[in-house]
């Protein structure tokens, strides 16, 4: 296992681009949406609509505008089996309200492209990381935001993939949809997430996804100023960040 992790890490180092374009963004974020066989059409629609709704939310927009550059970069992908991933929306700059609303409209228009398949979280993370390796920005943080309703059942061990990706300074966050697997959030915590300030958000079912993804986006965008991997650790969060995180923690959650 250790040898496999080292080989994986070496491969990632060799494929990292030598330079980035000079457009600075506060965050480069890959949103990976579950499109496996366990997700029916109505459940996929709830994910799509929840994402669009989140980018129209005033608090999400406020979070984007609170960063030093007041813009983030977002890519949206679908994932299922180990070789079944596709980019729905390529890298897009979200620069405040106008950019966020434009992205929401694009998400609204998405049609599902992967109709069935296994659940390869390992494959999804590998694909998302390949997008981060080629993003055309200068980003303070690199984050994979993976939503799913099941455990990895195809491809290499998730832990091995996670370790290689996290070593590259990437944070992996998870949104566990626990309608079929009530303890999926613990699996995500143990085997999927990793990196600076990584966390798991829980959606009790697909109807709860819009609430969960809104909360998750606010948290991971707001956290960017206190957990950037390229900067020295500045200690405790600033009061504004601590207040925001405390507010989010106080929101009701149904486990």
C-alpha atoms as a PDB file:
ATOM      1  CA  UNK A   1       0.000   0.000   0.000  1.00  0.00           C
ATOM      2  CA  UNK A   2       2.800   2.444   0.911  1.00  0.00           C
ATOM      3  CA  UNK A   3       4.655   1.633  -2.327  1.00  0.00           C
ATOM      4  CA  UNK A   4       1.482   2.219  -4.351  1.00  0.00           C
ATOM      5  CA  UNK A   5       1.002   5.581  -2.641  1.00  0.00           C
ATOM      6  CA  UNK A   6       4.563   6.646  -3.438  1.00  0.00           C
ATOM      7  CA  UNK A   7       4.201   5.641  -7.088  1.00  0.00           C
ATOM      8  CA  UNK A   8       0.912   7.542  -7.315  1.00  0.00           C
ATOM      9  CA  UNK A   9       2.465  10.650  -5.775  1.00  0.00           C
ATOM     10  CA  UNK A  10       5.443  10.525  -8.120  1.00  0.00           C
ATOM     11  CA  UNK A  11       3.156  10.258 -11.129  1.00  0.00           C
ATOM     12  CA  UNK A  12       1.215  13.327 -10.027  1.00  0.00           C
ATOM     13  CA  UNK A  13       4.389  15.333  -9.599  1.00  0.00           C
ATOM     14  CA  UNK A  14       5.511  14.462 -13.106  1.00  0.00           C
ATOM     15  CA  UNK A  15       2.217  15.532 -14.632  1.00  0.00           C
ATOM     16  CA  UNK A  16       1.875  18.868 -12.779  1.00  0.00           C
ATOM     17  CA  UNK A  17       2.099  21.852 -15.127  1.00  0.00           C
ATOM     18  CA  UNK A  18       5.217  23.984 -14.951  1.00  0.00           C
ATOM     19  CA  UNK A  19       3.400  27.302 -14.858  1.00  0.00           C
ATOM     20  CA  UNK A  20      -0.032  28.809 -14.447  1.00  0.00           C
ATOM     21  CA  UNK A  21      -1.693  31.648 -16.255  1.00  0.00           C
ATOM     22  CA  UNK A  22      -1.656  34.885 -14.324  1.00  0.00           C
ATOM     23  CA  UNK A  23      -5.421  35.277 -13.705  1.00  0.00           C
ATOM     24  CA  UNK A  24      -5.649  35.074  -9.893  1.00  0.00           C
ATOM     25  CA  UNK A  25      -8.612  33.444  -8.177  1.00  0.00           C
ATOM     26  CA  UNK A  26      -9.231  32.750  -4.513  1.00  0.00           C
ATOM     27  CA  UNK A  27     -10.283  29.139  -5.109  1.00  0.00           C
ATOM     28  CA  UNK A  28     -10.253  26.556  -7.915  1.00  0.00           C
ATOM     29  CA  UNK A  29     -13.166  24.220  -7.166  1.00  0.00           C
ATOM     30  CA  UNK A  30     -14.235  21.008  -8.914  1.00  0.00           C
ATOM     31  CA  UNK A  31     -17.839  20.046  -8.154  1.00  0.00           C
ATOM     32  CA  UNK A  32     -18.183  16.281  -8.734  1.00  0.00           C
ATOM     33  CA  UNK A  33     -21.829  15.142  -8.982  1.00  0.00           C
ATOM     34  CA  UNK A  34     -22.854  11.490  -8.538  1.00  0.00           C
ATOM     35  CA  UNK A  35     -24.381  10.036 -11.720  1.00  0.00           C
ATOM     36  CA  UNK A  36     -24.037   6.328 -10.921  1.00  0.00           C
ATOM     37  CA  UNK A  37     -26.713   3.634 -11.179  1.00  0.00           C
ATOM     38  CA  UNK A  38     -27.961   4.366  -7.660  1.00  0.00           C
ATOM     39  CA  UNK A  39     -29.047   7.855  -8.768  1.00  0.00           C
ATOM     40  CA  UNK A  40     -32.339   8.006 -10.654  1.00  0.00           C
ATOM     41  CA  UNK A  41     -33.443  10.872 -12.896  1.00  0.00           C
ATOM     42  CA  UNK A  42     -35.316  12.748 -10.194  1.00  0.00           C
ATOM     43  CA  UNK A  43     -32.361  12.447  -7.812  1.00  0.00           C
ATOM     44  CA  UNK A  44     -29.956  13.745 -10.438  1.00  0.00           C
ATOM     45  CA  UNK A  45     -32.342  16.647 -11.084  1.00  0.00           C
ATOM     46  CA  UNK A  46     -32.329  17.481  -7.375  1.00  0.00           C
ATOM     47  CA  UNK A  47     -28.532  17.664  -7.442  1.00  0.00           C
ATOM     48  CA  UNK A  48     -28.534  19.850 -10.548  1.00  0.00           C
ATOM     49  CA  UNK A  49     -31.278  22.142  -9.266  1.00  0.00           C
ATOM     50  CA  UNK A  50     -29.702  22.330  -5.815  1.00  0.00           C
ATOM     51  CA  UNK A  51     -26.384  23.438  -7.277  1.00  0.00           C
ATOM     52  CA  UNK A  52     -28.054  26.087  -9.421  1.00  0.00           C
ATOM     53  CA  UNK A  53     -30.059  27.313  -6.453  1.00  0.00           C
ATOM     54  CA  UNK A  54     -26.914  27.517  -4.327  1.00  0.00           C
ATOM     55  CA  UNK A  55     -25.121  29.795  -6.777  1.00  0.00           C
ATOM     56  CA  UNK A  56     -28.131  32.124  -6.720  1.00  0.00           C
ATOM     57  CA  UNK A  57     -28.075  32.280  -2.926  1.00  0.00           C
ATOM     58  CA  UNK A  58     -27.052  35.687  -1.512  1.00  0.00           C
ATOM     59  CA  UNK A  59     -24.844  34.104   1.162  1.00  0.00           C
ATOM     60  CA  UNK A  60     -22.914  32.061  -1.414  1.00  0.00           C
ATOM     61  CA  UNK A  61     -22.428  35.179  -3.519  1.00  0.00           C
ATOM     62  CA  UNK A  62     -21.339  37.104  -0.431  1.00  0.00           C
ATOM     63  CA  UNK A  63     -18.808  34.365   0.353  1.00  0.00           C
ATOM     64  CA  UNK A  64     -17.352  34.618  -3.159  1.00  0.00           C
ATOM     65  CA  UNK A  65     -17.119  38.400  -2.912  1.00  0.00           C
ATOM     66  CA  UNK A  66     -15.412  38.225   0.494  1.00  0.00           C
ATOM     67  CA  UNK A  67     -12.142  36.830  -0.860  1.00  0.00           C
ATOM     68  CA  UNK A  68      -9.098  38.955  -1.713  1.00  0.00           C
ATOM     69  CA  UNK A  69      -9.688  38.599  -5.463  1.00  0.00           C
ATOM     70  CA  UNK A  70     -13.500  38.395  -5.163  1.00  0.00           C
ATOM     71  CA  UNK A  71     -13.646  35.566  -7.683  1.00  0.00           C
ATOM     72  CA  UNK A  72     -13.343  31.792  -7.794  1.00  0.00           C
ATOM     73  CA  UNK A  73     -13.015  29.265 -10.607  1.00  0.00           C
ATOM     74  CA  UNK A  74     -15.475  26.368 -10.886  1.00  0.00           C
ATOM     75  CA  UNK A  75     -15.741  23.220 -12.998  1.00  0.00           C
ATOM     76  CA  UNK A  76     -18.676  20.780 -12.809  1.00  0.00           C
ATOM     77  CA  UNK A  77     -18.316  17.069 -13.584  1.00  0.00           C
ATOM     78  CA  UNK A  78     -20.457  13.937 -13.484  1.00  0.00           C
ATOM     79  CA  UNK A  79     -19.002  10.673 -12.282  1.00  0.00           C
ATOM     80  CA  UNK A  80     -19.926   6.997 -12.004  1.00  0.00           C
ATOM     81  CA  UNK A  81     -17.639   4.027 -12.788  1.00  0.00           C
ATOM     82  CA  UNK A  82     -13.854   4.067 -12.836  1.00  0.00           C
ATOM     83  CA  UNK A  83     -13.685   5.172 -16.492  1.00  0.00           C
ATOM     84  CA  UNK A  84     -16.971   7.088 -16.502  1.00  0.00           C
ATOM     85  CA  UNK A  85     -16.487  10.779 -15.862  1.00  0.00           C
ATOM     86  CA  UNK A  86     -17.365  13.773 -17.994  1.00  0.00           C
ATOM     87  CA  UNK A  87     -17.025  17.538 -17.759  1.00  0.00           C
ATOM     88  CA  UNK A  88     -20.423  19.215 -17.754  1.00  0.00           C
ATOM     89  CA  UNK A  89     -19.104  22.747 -17.322  1.00  0.00           C
ATOM     90  CA  UNK A  90     -15.411  23.477 -17.970  1.00  0.00           C
ATOM     91  CA  UNK A  91     -13.409  25.949 -15.927  1.00  0.00           C
ATOM     92  CA  UNK A  92     -15.453  29.101 -15.416  1.00  0.00           C
ATOM     93  CA  UNK A  93     -14.599  32.253 -13.483  1.00  0.00           C
ATOM     94  CA  UNK A  94     -17.308  33.226 -11.001  1.00  0.00           C
ATOM     95  CA  UNK A  95     -16.745  36.892 -10.243  1.00  0.00           C
ATOM     96  CA  UNK A  96     -19.390  38.028  -7.822  1.00  0.00           C
ATOM     97  CA  UNK A  97     -23.128  38.157  -8.363  1.00  0.00           C
ATOM     98  CA  UNK A  98     -23.098  38.381 -12.162  1.00  0.00           C
ATOM     99  CA  UNK A  99     -20.757  35.436 -12.576  1.00  0.00           C
ATOM    100  CA  UNK A 100     -22.562  33.362  -9.965  1.00  0.00           C
ATOM    101  CA  UNK A 101     -25.973  33.910 -11.571  1.00  0.00           C
ATOM    102  CA  UNK A 102     -24.581  33.112 -15.011  1.00  0.00           C
ATOM    103  CA  UNK A 103     -23.123  29.850 -13.703  1.00  0.00           C
ATOM    104  CA  UNK A 104     -26.472  29.013 -12.054  1.00  0.00           C
ATOM    105  CA  UNK A 105     -28.226  29.434 -15.414  1.00  0.00           C
ATOM    106  CA  UNK A 106     -25.706  27.118 -17.079  1.00  0.00           C
ATOM    107  CA  UNK A 107     -26.189  24.493 -14.381  1.00  0.00           C
ATOM    108  CA  UNK A 108     -29.966  24.760 -14.820  1.00  0.00           C
ATOM    109  CA  UNK A 109     -29.551  23.819 -18.476  1.00  0.00           C
ATOM    110  CA  UNK A 110     -27.479  20.689 -17.887  1.00  0.00           C
ATOM    111  CA  UNK A 111     -28.706  17.360 -19.220  1.00  0.00           C
ATOM    112  CA  UNK A 112     -27.480  14.174 -17.578  1.00  0.00           C
ATOM    113  CA  UNK A 113     -24.730  12.594 -19.692  1.00  0.00           C
ATOM    114  CA  UNK A 114     -23.859   9.467 -17.682  1.00  0.00           C
ATOM    115  CA  UNK A 115     -26.983   7.355 -17.291  1.00  0.00           C
ATOM    116  CA  UNK A 116     -25.651   4.469 -15.197  1.00  0.00           C
ATOM    117  CA  UNK A 117     -22.494   2.890 -13.859  1.00  0.00           C
ATOM    118  CA  UNK A 118     -20.635   1.699 -10.798  1.00  0.00           C
ATOM    119  CA  UNK A 119     -19.595   3.931  -7.901  1.00  0.00           C
ATOM    120  CA  UNK A 120     -15.915   4.741  -8.313  1.00  0.00           C
ATOM    121  CA  UNK A 121     -15.037   7.518  -5.904  1.00  0.00           C
ATOM    122  CA  UNK A 122     -11.389   6.753  -6.700  1.00  0.00           C
ATOM    123  CA  UNK A 123     -12.028   7.358 -10.386  1.00  0.00           C
ATOM    124  CA  UNK A 124     -13.956  10.547  -9.665  1.00  0.00           C
ATOM    125  CA  UNK A 125     -11.170  11.947  -7.494  1.00  0.00           C
ATOM    126  CA  UNK A 126      -8.529  11.064 -10.073  1.00  0.00           C
ATOM    127  CA  UNK A 127     -10.519  12.773 -12.829  1.00  0.00           C
ATOM    128  CA  UNK A 128     -11.223  15.854 -10.698  1.00  0.00           C
ATOM    129  CA  UNK A 129      -7.571  16.113  -9.791  1.00  0.00           C
ATOM    130  CA  UNK A 130      -6.583  15.982 -13.464  1.00  0.00           C
ATOM    131  CA  UNK A 131      -8.754  19.061 -13.991  1.00  0.00           C
ATOM    132  CA  UNK A 132      -7.035  20.840 -11.112  1.00  0.00           C
ATOM    133  CA  UNK A 133      -3.633  20.024 -12.597  1.00  0.00           C
ATOM    134  CA  UNK A 134      -4.610  21.792 -15.820  1.00  0.00           C
ATOM    135  CA  UNK A 135      -6.633  24.734 -14.540  1.00  0.00           C
ATOM    136  CA  UNK A 136      -5.554  27.998 -16.233  1.00  0.00           C
ATOM    137  CA  UNK A 137      -5.476  30.200 -13.134  1.00  0.00           C
ATOM    138  CA  UNK A 138      -3.298  31.226 -10.236  1.00  0.00           C
ATOM    139  CA  UNK A 139      -5.328  29.812  -7.357  1.00  0.00           C
ATOM    140  CA  UNK A 140      -4.761  30.210  -3.637  1.00  0.00           C
ATOM    141  CA  UNK A 141      -6.646  26.967  -2.918  1.00  0.00           C
ATOM    142  CA  UNK A 142      -7.442  23.791  -4.837  1.00  0.00           C
ATOM    143  CA  UNK A 143     -10.557  21.895  -3.714  1.00  0.00           C
ATOM    144  CA  UNK A 144     -12.501  18.841  -4.888  1.00  0.00           C
ATOM    145  CA  UNK A 145     -16.126  18.855  -3.714  1.00  0.00           C
ATOM    146  CA  UNK A 146     -17.485  15.326  -4.185  1.00  0.00           C
ATOM    147  CA  UNK A 147     -21.150  14.408  -3.683  1.00  0.00           C
ATOM    148  CA  UNK A 148     -22.200  10.759  -3.494  1.00  0.00           C
ATOM    149  CA  UNK A 149     -24.660   8.264  -2.033  1.00  0.00           C
ATOM    150  CA  UNK A 150     -22.478   5.145  -1.875  1.00  0.00           C
ATOM    151  CA  UNK A 151     -19.101   3.609  -1.161  1.00  0.00           C
ATOM    152  CA  UNK A 152     -16.316   3.032  -3.664  1.00  0.00           C
ATOM    153  CA  UNK A 153     -16.964  -0.272  -5.459  1.00  0.00           C
ATOM    154  CA  UNK A 154     -14.696  -0.020  -8.490  1.00  0.00           C
ATOM    155  CA  UNK A 155     -11.118   1.046  -9.127  1.00  0.00           C
ATOM    156  CA  UNK A 156      -8.168   1.367  -6.746  1.00  0.00           C
ATOM    157  CA  UNK A 157      -8.527   1.919  -3.000  1.00  0.00           C
ATOM    158  CA  UNK A 158      -9.832   5.379  -2.254  1.00  0.00           C
ATOM    159  CA  UNK A 159      -7.266   5.897   0.505  1.00  0.00           C
ATOM    160  CA  UNK A 160      -4.391   5.446  -1.941  1.00  0.00           C
ATOM    161  CA  UNK A 161      -5.829   7.954  -4.386  1.00  0.00           C
ATOM    162  CA  UNK A 162      -6.649  10.402  -1.617  1.00  0.00           C
ATOM    163  CA  UNK A 163      -3.137  10.297  -0.223  1.00  0.00           C
ATOM    164  CA  UNK A 164      -1.547  11.123  -3.572  1.00  0.00           C
ATOM    165  CA  UNK A 165      -3.915  13.996  -4.226  1.00  0.00           C
ATOM    166  CA  UNK A 166      -3.635  15.538  -0.760  1.00  0.00           C
ATOM    167  CA  UNK A 167       0.165  15.475  -1.049  1.00  0.00           C
ATOM    168  CA  UNK A 168      -0.248  17.909  -3.952  1.00  0.00           C
ATOM    169  CA  UNK A 169      -1.865  20.505  -1.687  1.00  0.00           C
ATOM    170  CA  UNK A 170      -5.453  19.703  -2.686  1.00  0.00           C
ATOM    171  CA  UNK A 171      -8.325  19.586  -0.200  1.00  0.00           C
ATOM    172  CA  UNK A 172     -11.019  16.941  -0.729  1.00  0.00           C
ATOM    173  CA  UNK A 173     -14.411  17.686   0.819  1.00  0.00           C
ATOM    174  CA  UNK A 174     -17.384  15.335   0.751  1.00  0.00           C
ATOM    175  CA  UNK A 175     -21.151  15.620   0.672  1.00  0.00           C
ATOM    176  CA  UNK A 176     -22.564  12.300   1.859  1.00  0.00           C
ATOM    177  CA  UNK A 177     -26.164  11.612   0.794  1.00  0.00           C
ATOM    178  CA  UNK A 178     -27.235   9.094   3.432  1.00  0.00           C
ATOM    179  CA  UNK A 179     -30.625   7.957   2.104  1.00  0.00           C
ATOM    180  CA  UNK A 180     -29.371   4.406   1.408  1.00  0.00           C
ATOM    181  CA  UNK A 181     -26.327   4.204   3.690  1.00  0.00           C
ATOM    182  CA  UNK A 182     -26.993   5.931   7.045  1.00  0.00           C
ATOM    183  CA  UNK A 183     -23.328   5.790   8.069  1.00  0.00           C
ATOM    184  CA  UNK A 184     -21.898   6.961   4.747  1.00  0.00           C
ATOM    185  CA  UNK A 185     -20.668  10.189   6.331  1.00  0.00           C
ATOM    186  CA  UNK A 186     -18.294   8.179   8.542  1.00  0.00           C
ATOM    187  CA  UNK A 187     -16.962   6.334   5.493  1.00  0.00           C
ATOM    188  CA  UNK A 188     -16.336   9.676   3.802  1.00  0.00           C
ATOM    189  CA  UNK A 189     -14.570  10.965   6.906  1.00  0.00           C
ATOM    190  CA  UNK A 190     -12.351   7.878   7.191  1.00  0.00           C
ATOM    191  CA  UNK A 191     -11.500   7.216   3.556  1.00  0.00           C
ATOM    192  CA  UNK A 192     -12.466  10.027   1.195  1.00  0.00           C
ATOM    193  CA  UNK A 193     -11.798  13.506   2.546  1.00  0.00           C
ATOM    194  CA  UNK A 194      -8.371  14.928   3.235  1.00  0.00           C
ATOM    195  CA  UNK A 195      -6.203  18.008   3.134  1.00  0.00           C
ATOM    196  CA  UNK A 196      -6.313  21.333   4.919  1.00  0.00           C
ATOM    197  CA  UNK A 197      -9.649  22.035   6.650  1.00  0.00           C
ATOM    198  CA  UNK A 198     -11.333  19.050   4.944  1.00  0.00           C
ATOM    199  CA  UNK A 199     -14.869  18.249   6.078  1.00  0.00           C
ATOM    200  CA  UNK A 200     -17.978  16.198   5.296  1.00  0.00           C
ATOM    201  CA  UNK A 201     -21.435  17.697   4.877  1.00  0.00           C
ATOM    202  CA  UNK A 202     -24.490  15.431   5.257  1.00  0.00           C
ATOM    203  CA  UNK A 203     -27.677  15.387   3.180  1.00  0.00           C
ATOM    204  CA  UNK A 204     -30.287  13.113   4.730  1.00  0.00           C
ATOM    205  CA  UNK A 205     -31.756  12.370   1.306  1.00  0.00           C
ATOM    206  CA  UNK A 206     -31.779  13.938  -2.148  1.00  0.00           C
ATOM    207  CA  UNK A 207     -34.534  16.357  -1.146  1.00  0.00           C
ATOM    208  CA  UNK A 208     -32.096  17.653   1.484  1.00  0.00           C
ATOM    209  CA  UNK A 209     -29.308  18.130  -1.076  1.00  0.00           C
ATOM    210  CA  UNK A 210     -30.092  21.814  -1.857  1.00  0.00           C
ATOM    211  CA  UNK A 211     -29.722  22.777   1.801  1.00  0.00           C
ATOM    212  CA  UNK A 212     -26.569  20.709   2.209  1.00  0.00           C
ATOM    213  CA  UNK A 213     -24.782  21.960  -0.909  1.00  0.00           C
ATOM    214  CA  UNK A 214     -25.575  25.586  -0.040  1.00  0.00           C
ATOM    215  CA  UNK A 215     -24.132  25.113   3.445  1.00  0.00           C
ATOM    216  CA  UNK A 216     -21.139  23.255   2.047  1.00  0.00           C
ATOM    217  CA  UNK A 217     -20.294  25.897  -0.562  1.00  0.00           C
ATOM    218  CA  UNK A 218     -20.473  28.707   1.983  1.00  0.00           C
ATOM    219  CA  UNK A 219     -18.208  26.823   4.336  1.00  0.00           C
ATOM    220  CA  UNK A 220     -15.549  25.847   1.796  1.00  0.00           C
ATOM    221  CA  UNK A 221     -15.495  29.267   0.146  1.00  0.00           C
ATOM    222  CA  UNK A 222     -15.387  31.127   3.459  1.00  0.00           C
ATOM    223  CA  UNK A 223     -12.637  28.874   4.773  1.00  0.00           C
ATOM    224  CA  UNK A 224     -10.287  29.788   1.953  1.00  0.00           C
ATOM    225  CA  UNK A 225      -8.766  32.712   3.813  1.00  0.00           C
ATOM    226  CA  UNK A 226      -7.776  30.610   6.841  1.00  0.00           C
ATOM    227  CA  UNK A 227      -6.569  27.397   5.209  1.00  0.00           C
ATOM    228  CA  UNK A 228      -4.662  28.167   2.015  1.00  0.00           C
ATOM    229  CA  UNK A 229      -1.980  25.422   1.716  1.00  0.00           C
ATOM    230  CA  UNK A 230       0.605  27.662   0.050  1.00  0.00           C
ATOM    231  CA  UNK A 231       0.660  30.181   2.885  1.00  0.00           C
ATOM    232  CA  UNK A 232       2.144  29.861   6.389  1.00  0.00           C
ATOM    233  CA  UNK A 233      -0.279  28.920   9.115  1.00  0.00           C
ATOM    234  CA  UNK A 234      -1.545  32.172  10.613  1.00  0.00           C
ATOM    235  CA  UNK A 235      -3.019  30.551  13.729  1.00  0.00           C
ATOM    236  CA  UNK A 236      -6.604  31.054  14.844  1.00  0.00           C
ATOM    237  CA  UNK A 237      -9.289  32.109  12.359  1.00  0.00           C
ATOM    238  CA  UNK A 238     -10.014  35.797  12.035  1.00  0.00           C
ATOM    239  CA  UNK A 239     -13.156  36.905  13.925  1.00  0.00           C
ATOM    240  CA  UNK A 240     -15.220  37.152  10.716  1.00  0.00           C
ATOM    241  CA  UNK A 241     -14.313  33.606   9.681  1.00  0.00           C
ATOM    242  CA  UNK A 242     -14.915  32.233  13.171  1.00  0.00           C
ATOM    243  CA  UNK A 243     -18.313  33.917  13.269  1.00  0.00           C
ATOM    244  CA  UNK A 244     -19.294  32.453   9.916  1.00  0.00           C
ATOM    245  CA  UNK A 245     -18.222  28.948  10.861  1.00  0.00           C
ATOM    246  CA  UNK A 246     -20.004  29.192  14.212  1.00  0.00           C
ATOM    247  CA  UNK A 247     -23.174  30.281  12.427  1.00  0.00           C
ATOM    248  CA  UNK A 248     -22.974  27.340  10.058  1.00  0.00           C
ATOM    249  CA  UNK A 249     -22.333  24.923  12.899  1.00  0.00           C
ATOM    250  CA  UNK A 250     -25.414  26.193  14.688  1.00  0.00           C
ATOM    251  CA  UNK A 251     -27.744  25.420  11.769  1.00  0.00           C
ATOM    252  CA  UNK A 252     -30.032  22.454  12.463  1.00  0.00           C
ATOM    253  CA  UNK A 253     -28.838  19.110  11.133  1.00  0.00           C
ATOM    254  CA  UNK A 254     -30.772  15.866  10.919  1.00  0.00           C
ATOM    255  CA  UNK A 255     -28.555  12.806  11.351  1.00  0.00           C
END
